């Protein structure tokens, strides 16, 4: 094992740890967004909002939080 191999192994290990951490954070955020989206829907229904409108409100919330405007899509990043 040369120094270059050791360095590459170290970098690979760090990359793996960072990717795992990022995946865990994204998963936790997605669960939180799902819970809040459900709360938007159930609270709207409890307040007397019709089902279709409550569903649209929850969908609007999910879309705005899960896919915020201004963030490049993965496809756009890969094309560059």
PDB file of N, CA and C in Angstrom:
ATOM      1  N   UNK A   1       0.851  -1.183   0.000  1.00  0.00           N
ATOM      2  CA  UNK A   1       0.000   0.000   0.000  1.00  0.00           C
ATOM      3  C   UNK A   1       0.889   1.235   0.000  1.00  0.00           C
ATOM      4  N   UNK A   2       0.670   2.085  -0.961  1.00  0.00           N
ATOM      5  CA  UNK A   2       1.455   3.305  -1.045  1.00  0.00           C
ATOM      6  C   UNK A   2       0.718   4.431  -0.356  1.00  0.00           C
ATOM      7  N   UNK A   3       1.388   5.548  -0.230  1.00  0.00           N
ATOM      8  CA  UNK A   3       0.761   6.726   0.367  1.00  0.00           C
ATOM      9  C   UNK A   3      -0.459   7.168  -0.430  1.00  0.00           C
ATOM     10  N   UNK A   4      -0.375   7.064  -1.755  1.00  0.00           N
ATOM     11  CA  UNK A   4      -1.496   7.470  -2.604  1.00  0.00           C
ATOM     12  C   UNK A   4      -2.706   6.585  -2.340  1.00  0.00           C
ATOM     13  N   UNK A   5      -2.470   5.276  -2.178  1.00  0.00           N
ATOM     14  CA  UNK A   5      -3.582   4.359  -1.881  1.00  0.00           C
ATOM     15  C   UNK A   5      -4.194   4.680  -0.525  1.00  0.00           C
ATOM     16  N   UNK A   6      -3.372   4.955   0.451  1.00  0.00           N
ATOM     17  CA  UNK A   6      -3.867   5.308   1.780  1.00  0.00           C
ATOM     18  C   UNK A   6      -4.696   6.576   1.751  1.00  0.00           C
ATOM     19  N   UNK A   7      -4.217   7.555   0.985  1.00  0.00           N
ATOM     20  CA  UNK A   7      -4.955   8.808   0.863  1.00  0.00           C
ATOM     21  C   UNK A   7      -6.289   8.576   0.170  1.00  0.00           C
ATOM     22  N   UNK A   8      -6.278   7.788  -0.915  1.00  0.00           N
ATOM     23  CA  UNK A   8      -7.514   7.488  -1.631  1.00  0.00           C
ATOM     24  C   UNK A   8      -8.494   6.744  -0.738  1.00  0.00           C
ATOM     25  N   UNK A   9      -7.990   5.807   0.070  1.00  0.00           N
ATOM     26  CA  UNK A   9      -8.850   5.082   1.005  1.00  0.00           C
ATOM     27  C   UNK A   9      -9.454   6.024   2.036  1.00  0.00           C
ATOM     28  N   UNK A  10      -8.646   6.950   2.544  1.00  0.00           N
ATOM     29  CA  UNK A  10      -9.130   7.923   3.527  1.00  0.00           C
ATOM     30  C   UNK A  10     -10.223   8.797   2.927  1.00  0.00           C
ATOM     31  N   UNK A  11      -9.994   9.301   1.734  1.00  0.00           N
ATOM     32  CA  UNK A  11     -10.974  10.152   1.056  1.00  0.00           C
ATOM     33  C   UNK A  11     -12.250   9.362   0.778  1.00  0.00           C
ATOM     34  N   UNK A  12     -12.102   8.129   0.340  1.00  0.00           N
ATOM     35  CA  UNK A  12     -13.265   7.282   0.066  1.00  0.00           C
ATOM     36  C   UNK A  12     -14.070   7.035   1.333  1.00  0.00           C
ATOM     37  N   UNK A  13     -13.392   6.818   2.425  1.00  0.00           N
ATOM     38  CA  UNK A  13     -14.058   6.588   3.705  1.00  0.00           C
ATOM     39  C   UNK A  13     -14.824   7.833   4.155  1.00  0.00           C
ATOM     40  N   UNK A  14     -14.205   8.977   4.024  1.00  0.00           N
ATOM     41  CA  UNK A  14     -14.854  10.241   4.395  1.00  0.00           C
ATOM     42  C   UNK A  14     -16.073  10.481   3.506  1.00  0.00           C
ATOM     43  N   UNK A  15     -15.928  10.215   2.218  1.00  0.00           N
ATOM     44  CA  UNK A  15     -17.045  10.401   1.289  1.00  0.00           C
ATOM     45  C   UNK A  15     -18.220   9.490   1.658  1.00  0.00           C
ATOM     46  N   UNK A  16     -17.926   8.256   1.998  1.00  0.00           N
ATOM     47  CA  UNK A  16     -18.972   7.310   2.386  1.00  0.00           C
ATOM     48  C   UNK A  16     -19.701   7.792   3.638  1.00  0.00           C
ATOM     49  N   UNK A  17     -18.946   8.252   4.620  1.00  0.00           N
ATOM     50  CA  UNK A  17     -19.547   8.760   5.863  1.00  0.00           C
ATOM     51  C   UNK A  17     -20.414   9.983   5.601  1.00  0.00           C
ATOM     52  N   UNK A  18     -19.929  10.896   4.773  1.00  0.00           N
ATOM     53  CA  UNK A  18     -20.704  12.098   4.466  1.00  0.00           C
ATOM     54  C   UNK A  18     -21.979  11.759   3.700  1.00  0.00           C
ATOM     55  N   UNK A  19     -21.883  10.832   2.753  1.00  0.00           N
ATOM     56  CA  UNK A  19     -23.069  10.428   2.002  1.00  0.00           C
ATOM     57  C   UNK A  19     -24.095   9.768   2.909  1.00  0.00           C
ATOM     58  N   UNK A  20     -23.639   8.930   3.838  1.00  0.00           N
ATOM     59  CA  UNK A  20     -24.556   8.280   4.770  1.00  0.00           C
ATOM     60  C   UNK A  20     -25.223   9.322   5.668  1.00  0.00           C
ATOM     61  N   UNK A  21     -24.449  10.269   6.150  1.00  0.00           N
ATOM     62  CA  UNK A  21     -24.999  11.323   6.998  1.00  0.00           C
ATOM     63  C   UNK A  21     -26.030  12.157   6.233  1.00  0.00           C
ATOM     64  N   UNK A  22     -25.723  12.490   5.002  1.00  0.00           N
ATOM     65  CA  UNK A  22     -26.648  13.266   4.178  1.00  0.00           C
ATOM     66  C   UNK A  22     -27.938  12.487   3.948  1.00  0.00           C
ATOM     67  N   UNK A  23     -27.827  11.196   3.663  1.00  0.00           N
ATOM     68  CA  UNK A  23     -29.002  10.372   3.432  1.00  0.00           C
ATOM     69  C   UNK A  23     -29.872  10.306   4.688  1.00  0.00           C
ATOM     70  N   UNK A  24     -29.248  10.174   5.850  1.00  0.00           N
ATOM     71  CA  UNK A  24     -30.005  10.135   7.107  1.00  0.00           C
ATOM     72  C   UNK A  24     -30.721  11.453   7.359  1.00  0.00           C
ATOM     73  N   UNK A  25     -30.048  12.570   7.085  1.00  0.00           N
ATOM     74  CA  UNK A  25     -30.668  13.885   7.286  1.00  0.00           C
ATOM     75  C   UNK A  25     -31.823  14.100   6.322  1.00  0.00           C
ATOM     76  N   UNK A  26     -31.654  13.690   5.068  1.00  0.00           N
ATOM     77  CA  UNK A  26     -32.727  13.837   4.087  1.00  0.00           C
ATOM     78  C   UNK A  26     -33.920  12.967   4.454  1.00  0.00           C
ATOM     79  N   UNK A  27     -33.659  11.767   4.971  1.00  0.00           N
ATOM     80  CA  UNK A  27     -34.736  10.887   5.402  1.00  0.00           C
ATOM     81  C   UNK A  27     -35.511  11.484   6.561  1.00  0.00           C
ATOM     82  N   UNK A  28     -34.792  12.022   7.537  1.00  0.00           N
ATOM     83  CA  UNK A  28     -35.448  12.642   8.692  1.00  0.00           C
ATOM     84  C   UNK A  28     -36.273  13.850   8.260  1.00  0.00           C
ATOM     85  N   UNK A  29     -35.750  14.645   7.355  1.00  0.00           N
ATOM     86  CA  UNK A  29     -36.483  15.808   6.860  1.00  0.00           C
ATOM     87  C   UNK A  29     -37.732  15.379   6.099  1.00  0.00           C
ATOM     88  N   UNK A  30     -37.615  14.344   5.291  1.00  0.00           N
ATOM     89  CA  UNK A  30     -38.771  13.852   4.544  1.00  0.00           C
ATOM     90  C   UNK A  30     -39.867  13.371   5.479  1.00  0.00           C
ATOM     91  N   UNK A  31     -39.489  12.659   6.544  1.00  0.00           N
ATOM     92  CA  UNK A  31     -40.484  12.216   7.521  1.00  0.00           C
ATOM     93  C   UNK A  31     -41.157  13.398   8.202  1.00  0.00           C
ATOM     94  N   UNK A  32     -40.383  14.395   8.558  1.00  0.00           N
ATOM     95  CA  UNK A  32     -40.943  15.591   9.181  1.00  0.00           C
ATOM     96  C   UNK A  32     -41.917  16.292   8.235  1.00  0.00           C
ATOM     97  N   UNK A  33     -41.522  16.436   6.976  1.00  0.00           N
ATOM     98  CA  UNK A  33     -42.401  17.075   5.991  1.00  0.00           C
ATOM     99  C   UNK A  33     -43.692  16.282   5.807  1.00  0.00           C
ATOM    100  N   UNK A  34     -43.585  14.960   5.820  1.00  0.00           N
ATOM    101  CA  UNK A  34     -44.781  14.126   5.679  1.00  0.00           C
ATOM    102  C   UNK A  34     -45.719  14.326   6.872  1.00  0.00           C
ATOM    103  N   UNK A  35     -45.156  14.408   8.068  1.00  0.00           N
ATOM    104  CA  UNK A  35     -45.979  14.623   9.261  1.00  0.00           C
ATOM    105  C   UNK A  35     -46.682  15.980   9.217  1.00  0.00           C
ATOM    106  N   UNK A  36     -45.951  17.006   8.843  1.00  0.00           N
ATOM    107  CA  UNK A  36     -46.542  18.347   8.782  1.00  0.00           C
ATOM    108  C   UNK A  36     -47.598  18.406   7.676  1.00  0.00           C
ATOM    109  N   UNK A  37     -47.328  17.755   6.554  1.00  0.00           N
ATOM    110  CA  UNK A  37     -48.303  17.713   5.468  1.00  0.00           C
ATOM    111  C   UNK A  37     -49.593  17.041   5.940  1.00  0.00           C
ATOM    112  N   UNK A  38     -49.449  15.951   6.672  1.00  0.00           N
ATOM    113  CA  UNK A  38     -50.620  15.283   7.241  1.00  0.00           C
ATOM    114  C   UNK A  38     -51.361  16.172   8.216  1.00  0.00           C
ATOM    115  N   UNK A  39     -50.613  16.928   9.008  1.00  0.00           N
ATOM    116  CA  UNK A  39     -51.238  17.848   9.964  1.00  0.00           C
ATOM    117  C   UNK A  39     -51.999  18.952   9.241  1.00  0.00           C
ATOM    118  N   UNK A  40     -51.442  19.463   8.158  1.00  0.00           N
ATOM    119  CA  UNK A  40     -52.137  20.484   7.369  1.00  0.00           C
ATOM    120  C   UNK A  40     -53.479  19.927   6.896  1.00  0.00           C
ATOM    121  N   UNK A  41     -53.455  18.708   6.391  1.00  0.00           N
ATOM    122  CA  UNK A  41     -54.677  18.079   5.881  1.00  0.00           C
ATOM    123  C   UNK A  41     -55.702  17.844   6.997  1.00  0.00           C
ATOM    124  N   UNK A  42     -55.274  17.209   8.081  1.00  0.00           N
ATOM    125  CA  UNK A  42     -56.221  16.880   9.151  1.00  0.00           C
ATOM    126  C   UNK A  42     -56.753  18.123   9.860  1.00  0.00           C
ATOM    127  N   UNK A  43     -55.902  19.114  10.053  1.00  0.00           N
ATOM    128  CA  UNK A  43     -56.361  20.357  10.688  1.00  0.00           C
ATOM    129  C   UNK A  43     -57.338  21.104   9.791  1.00  0.00           C
ATOM    130  N   UNK A  44     -57.081  21.068   8.487  1.00  0.00           N
ATOM    131  CA  UNK A  44     -58.015  21.722   7.564  1.00  0.00           C
ATOM    132  C   UNK A  44     -59.372  21.022   7.607  1.00  0.00           C
ATOM    133  N   UNK A  45     -59.349  19.693   7.609  1.00  0.00           N
ATOM    134  CA  UNK A  45     -60.622  18.955   7.699  1.00  0.00           C
ATOM    135  C   UNK A  45     -61.332  19.264   9.006  1.00  0.00           C
ATOM    136  N   UNK A  46     -60.592  19.300  10.105  1.00  0.00           N
ATOM    137  CA  UNK A  46     -61.189  19.583  11.416  1.00  0.00           C
ATOM    138  C   UNK A  46     -61.793  20.981  11.466  1.00  0.00           C
ATOM    139  N   UNK A  47     -61.252  21.889  10.671  1.00  0.00           N
ATOM    140  CA  UNK A  47     -61.772  23.259  10.634  1.00  0.00           C
ATOM    141  C   UNK A  47     -62.938  23.399   9.673  1.00  0.00           C
ATOM    142  N   UNK A  48     -63.333  22.284   9.037  1.00  0.00           N
ATOM    143  CA  UNK A  48     -64.482  22.333   8.154  1.00  0.00           C
ATOM    144  C   UNK A  48     -64.175  22.572   6.697  1.00  0.00           C
ATOM    145  N   UNK A  49     -62.908  22.542   6.350  1.00  0.00           N
ATOM    146  CA  UNK A  49     -62.527  22.722   4.945  1.00  0.00           C
ATOM    147  C   UNK A  49     -62.923  21.451   4.180  1.00  0.00           C
ATOM    148  N   UNK A  50     -63.514  21.581   3.010  1.00  0.00           N
ATOM    149  CA  UNK A  50     -63.877  20.396   2.224  1.00  0.00           C
ATOM    150  C   UNK A  50     -62.652  19.527   1.893  1.00  0.00           C
ATOM    151  N   UNK A  51     -62.886  18.232   1.764  1.00  0.00           N
ATOM    152  CA  UNK A  51     -61.815  17.260   1.523  1.00  0.00           C
ATOM    153  C   UNK A  51     -60.903  17.666   0.369  1.00  0.00           C
ATOM    154  N   UNK A  52     -61.500  17.984  -0.777  1.00  0.00           N
ATOM    155  CA  UNK A  52     -60.698  18.303  -1.964  1.00  0.00           C
ATOM    156  C   UNK A  52     -59.801  19.517  -1.723  1.00  0.00           C
ATOM    157  N   UNK A  53     -60.322  20.523  -1.044  1.00  0.00           N
ATOM    158  CA  UNK A  53     -59.526  21.712  -0.762  1.00  0.00           C
ATOM    159  C   UNK A  53     -58.435  21.404   0.263  1.00  0.00           C
ATOM    160  N   UNK A  54     -58.776  20.634   1.283  1.00  0.00           N
ATOM    161  CA  UNK A  54     -57.771  20.258   2.291  1.00  0.00           C
ATOM    162  C   UNK A  54     -56.655  19.452   1.647  1.00  0.00           C
ATOM    163  N   UNK A  55     -57.025  18.569   0.742  1.00  0.00           N
ATOM    164  CA  UNK A  55     -56.025  17.769   0.038  1.00  0.00           C
ATOM    165  C   UNK A  55     -55.135  18.663  -0.827  1.00  0.00           C
ATOM    166  N   UNK A  56     -55.736  19.626  -1.500  1.00  0.00           N
ATOM    167  CA  UNK A  56     -54.962  20.555  -2.329  1.00  0.00           C
ATOM    168  C   UNK A  56     -54.030  21.403  -1.467  1.00  0.00           C
ATOM    169  N   UNK A  57     -54.511  21.814  -0.298  1.00  0.00           N
ATOM    170  CA  UNK A  57     -53.658  22.599   0.615  1.00  0.00           C
ATOM    171  C   UNK A  57     -52.452  21.778   1.057  1.00  0.00           C
ATOM    172  N   UNK A  58     -52.694  20.518   1.427  1.00  0.00           N
ATOM    173  CA  UNK A  58     -51.605  19.650   1.860  1.00  0.00           C
ATOM    174  C   UNK A  58     -50.630  19.393   0.714  1.00  0.00           C
ATOM    175  N   UNK A  59     -51.161  19.191  -0.470  1.00  0.00           N
ATOM    176  CA  UNK A  59     -50.306  18.958  -1.634  1.00  0.00           C
ATOM    177  C   UNK A  59     -49.466  20.196  -1.949  1.00  0.00           C
ATOM    178  N   UNK A  60     -50.071  21.370  -1.863  1.00  0.00           N
ATOM    179  CA  UNK A  60     -49.323  22.605  -2.093  1.00  0.00           C
ATOM    180  C   UNK A  60     -48.184  22.752  -1.086  1.00  0.00           C
ATOM    181  N   UNK A  61     -48.483  22.435   0.183  1.00  0.00           N
ATOM    182  CA  UNK A  61     -47.439  22.515   1.205  1.00  0.00           C
ATOM    183  C   UNK A  61     -46.312  21.543   0.882  1.00  0.00           C
ATOM    184  N   UNK A  62     -46.660  20.298   0.585  1.00  0.00           N
ATOM    185  CA  UNK A  62     -45.652  19.273   0.293  1.00  0.00           C
ATOM    186  C   UNK A  62     -44.776  19.709  -0.882  1.00  0.00           C
ATOM    187  N   UNK A  63     -45.426  20.166  -1.940  1.00  0.00           N
ATOM    188  CA  UNK A  63     -44.689  20.567  -3.141  1.00  0.00           C
ATOM    189  C   UNK A  63     -43.742  21.728  -2.852  1.00  0.00           C
ATOM    190  N   UNK A  64     -44.221  22.713  -2.100  1.00  0.00           N
ATOM    191  CA  UNK A  64     -43.385  23.886  -1.831  1.00  0.00           C
ATOM    192  C   UNK A  64     -42.205  23.557  -0.922  1.00  0.00           C
ATOM    193  N   UNK A  65     -42.385  22.598  -0.012  1.00  0.00           N
ATOM    194  CA  UNK A  65     -41.301  22.248   0.911  1.00  0.00           C
ATOM    195  C   UNK A  65     -40.385  21.162   0.360  1.00  0.00           C
ATOM    196  N   UNK A  66     -40.944  20.171  -0.307  1.00  0.00           N
ATOM    197  CA  UNK A  66     -40.137  19.063  -0.811  1.00  0.00           C
ATOM    198  C   UNK A  66     -39.389  19.436  -2.088  1.00  0.00           C
ATOM    199  N   UNK A  67     -39.954  20.356  -2.851  1.00  0.00           N
ATOM    200  CA  UNK A  67     -39.354  20.764  -4.120  1.00  0.00           C
ATOM    201  C   UNK A  67     -39.297  22.288  -4.204  1.00  0.00           C
ATOM    202  N   UNK A  68     -38.509  22.924  -3.331  1.00  0.00           N
ATOM    203  CA  UNK A  68     -38.490  24.395  -3.311  1.00  0.00           C
ATOM    204  C   UNK A  68     -37.977  24.980  -4.628  1.00  0.00           C
ATOM    205  N   UNK A  69     -38.601  26.064  -5.033  1.00  0.00           N
ATOM    206  CA  UNK A  69     -38.174  26.766  -6.243  1.00  0.00           C
ATOM    207  C   UNK A  69     -36.780  27.331  -6.022  1.00  0.00           C
ATOM    208  N   UNK A  70     -36.011  27.352  -7.058  1.00  0.00           N
ATOM    209  CA  UNK A  70     -34.676  27.919  -6.957  1.00  0.00           C
ATOM    210  C   UNK A  70     -33.590  26.877  -6.760  1.00  0.00           C
ATOM    211  N   UNK A  71     -33.974  25.666  -6.366  1.00  0.00           N
ATOM    212  CA  UNK A  71     -32.984  24.608  -6.249  1.00  0.00           C
ATOM    213  C   UNK A  71     -32.899  23.883  -7.582  1.00  0.00           C
ATOM    214  N   UNK A  72     -31.695  23.674  -8.080  1.00  0.00           N
ATOM    215  CA  UNK A  72     -31.577  22.961  -9.350  1.00  0.00           C
ATOM    216  C   UNK A  72     -31.967  21.497  -9.170  1.00  0.00           C
ATOM    217  N   UNK A  73     -32.585  20.928 -10.180  1.00  0.00           N
ATOM    218  CA  UNK A  73     -32.945  19.516 -10.106  1.00  0.00           C
ATOM    219  C   UNK A  73     -31.694  18.675 -10.296  1.00  0.00           C
ATOM    220  N   UNK A  74     -31.765  17.436  -9.915  1.00  0.00           N
ATOM    221  CA  UNK A  74     -30.630  16.526 -10.068  1.00  0.00           C
ATOM    222  C   UNK A  74     -30.291  16.385 -11.535  1.00  0.00           C
ATOM    223  N   UNK A  75     -31.309  16.330 -12.399  1.00  0.00           N
ATOM    224  CA  UNK A  75     -31.071  16.214 -13.826  1.00  0.00           C
ATOM    225  C   UNK A  75     -30.311  17.414 -14.372  1.00  0.00           C
ATOM    226  N   UNK A  76     -30.628  18.612 -13.893  1.00  0.00           N
ATOM    227  CA  UNK A  76     -29.941  19.820 -14.365  1.00  0.00           C
ATOM    228  C   UNK A  76     -28.491  19.807 -13.937  1.00  0.00           C
ATOM    229  N   UNK A  77     -28.205  19.312 -12.736  1.00  0.00           N
ATOM    230  CA  UNK A  77     -26.832  19.251 -12.259  1.00  0.00           C
ATOM    231  C   UNK A  77     -26.021  18.257 -13.080  1.00  0.00           C
ATOM    232  N   UNK A  78     -26.628  17.133 -13.453  1.00  0.00           N
ATOM    233  CA  UNK A  78     -25.919  16.107 -14.199  1.00  0.00           C
ATOM    234  C   UNK A  78     -25.631  16.530 -15.626  1.00  0.00           C
ATOM    235  N   UNK A  79     -26.451  17.422 -16.189  1.00  0.00           N
ATOM    236  CA  UNK A  79     -26.267  17.860 -17.555  1.00  0.00           C
ATOM    237  C   UNK A  79     -25.079  18.790 -17.722  1.00  0.00           C
ATOM    238  N   UNK A  80     -24.664  19.439 -16.656  1.00  0.00           N
ATOM    239  CA  UNK A  80     -23.572  20.422 -16.737  1.00  0.00           C
ATOM    240  C   UNK A  80     -22.235  19.789 -16.923  1.00  0.00           C
TER     241      UNK A  80
END
